[in-house]
Amino acid sequence: MPKIRSHKGTQKRFRVSGTGKLLRRSAFQSHLLEHKSAKRKRGYARQHPVAPSDRRQIRRDAPYLGA
């Protein structure tokens, strides 16, 4: 039986937490940062959980992502 190919873009953008949740990087933190408050930028720096509606597609694209 052949192995399933992982979608490499998906594999690079998501990771699995210790408890098995999918985590993603936040948007809005790459440029135009000088007018954003430090509080906002700290919030963007954290990893955020993936929405329940998107989890199935990510698991399909990257079956060997982790837990």
Protein backbone atom coordinates (compact mmCIF):
# COMPACT_ATOMS: atom_id res chain seq x y z
CA MET A 1 0.00 0.00 0.00
CA PRO A 2 1.54 3.39 -0.96
CA LYS A 3 2.00 6.19 1.53
CA ILE A 4 -0.29 9.25 1.41
CA ARG A 5 1.41 12.40 0.11
CA SER A 6 1.37 15.32 2.54
CA HIS A 7 0.58 18.83 1.30
CA LYS A 8 3.86 20.57 2.11
CA GLY A 9 2.34 24.06 2.44
CA THR A 10 -0.11 22.77 5.04
CA GLN A 11 2.64 20.91 6.86
CA LYS A 12 4.72 24.10 7.18
CA ARG A 13 1.84 26.31 8.36
CA PHE A 14 0.36 24.17 11.13
CA ARG A 15 1.59 22.26 14.15
CA VAL A 16 0.04 20.04 16.79
CA SER A 17 0.02 21.01 20.47
CA GLY A 18 0.86 18.59 23.28
CA THR A 19 -2.84 17.92 23.83
CA GLY A 20 -3.47 17.24 20.13
CA LYS A 21 -4.99 20.55 19.04
CA LEU A 22 -4.06 22.05 15.68
CA LEU A 23 -2.33 25.42 15.99
CA ARG A 24 -1.83 28.14 13.38
CA ARG A 25 0.11 31.39 13.08
CA SER A 26 -1.90 34.61 13.35
CA ALA A 27 -2.42 36.94 10.40
CA PHE A 28 -1.59 40.70 10.40
CA GLN A 29 1.93 40.47 11.83
CA SER A 30 4.22 40.69 8.81
CA HIS A 31 4.28 44.41 7.97
CA LEU A 32 2.69 47.81 8.76
CA LEU A 33 3.47 47.17 12.43
CA GLU A 34 4.48 50.68 13.53
CA HIS A 35 0.90 51.91 14.05
CA LYS A 36 -0.29 48.76 15.82
CA SER A 37 -0.14 48.72 19.61
CA ALA A 38 2.30 46.49 21.48
CA LYS A 39 -0.67 44.66 23.01
CA ARG A 40 -2.04 43.84 19.56
CA LYS A 41 1.36 42.66 18.31
CA ARG A 42 1.82 40.40 21.34
CA GLY A 43 -1.55 38.81 20.58
CA TYR A 44 -0.52 38.19 16.98
CA ALA A 45 2.71 36.52 18.11
CA ARG A 46 0.86 33.71 19.89
CA GLN A 47 -0.19 30.49 18.20
CA HIS A 48 -3.97 30.24 17.79
CA PRO A 49 -6.15 27.12 17.63
CA VAL A 50 -7.60 26.20 14.24
CA ALA A 51 -11.37 26.63 13.81
CA PRO A 52 -13.38 23.40 14.07
CA SER A 53 -14.69 23.81 10.51
CA ASP A 54 -11.12 23.80 9.11
CA ARG A 55 -9.65 20.89 11.08
CA ARG A 56 -10.93 18.13 8.81
CA GLN A 57 -9.38 19.65 5.68
CA ILE A 58 -6.01 20.19 7.38
CA ARG A 59 -5.96 16.61 8.68
CA ARG A 60 -6.70 15.39 5.15
CA ASP A 61 -3.92 17.51 3.63
CA ALA A 62 -1.31 16.55 6.26
CA PRO A 63 -2.13 13.11 7.64
CA TYR A 64 1.27 12.67 9.35
CA LEU A 65 1.28 16.11 11.03
CA GLY A 66 1.50 14.76 14.56
CA ALA A 67 -0.69 13.22 17.21
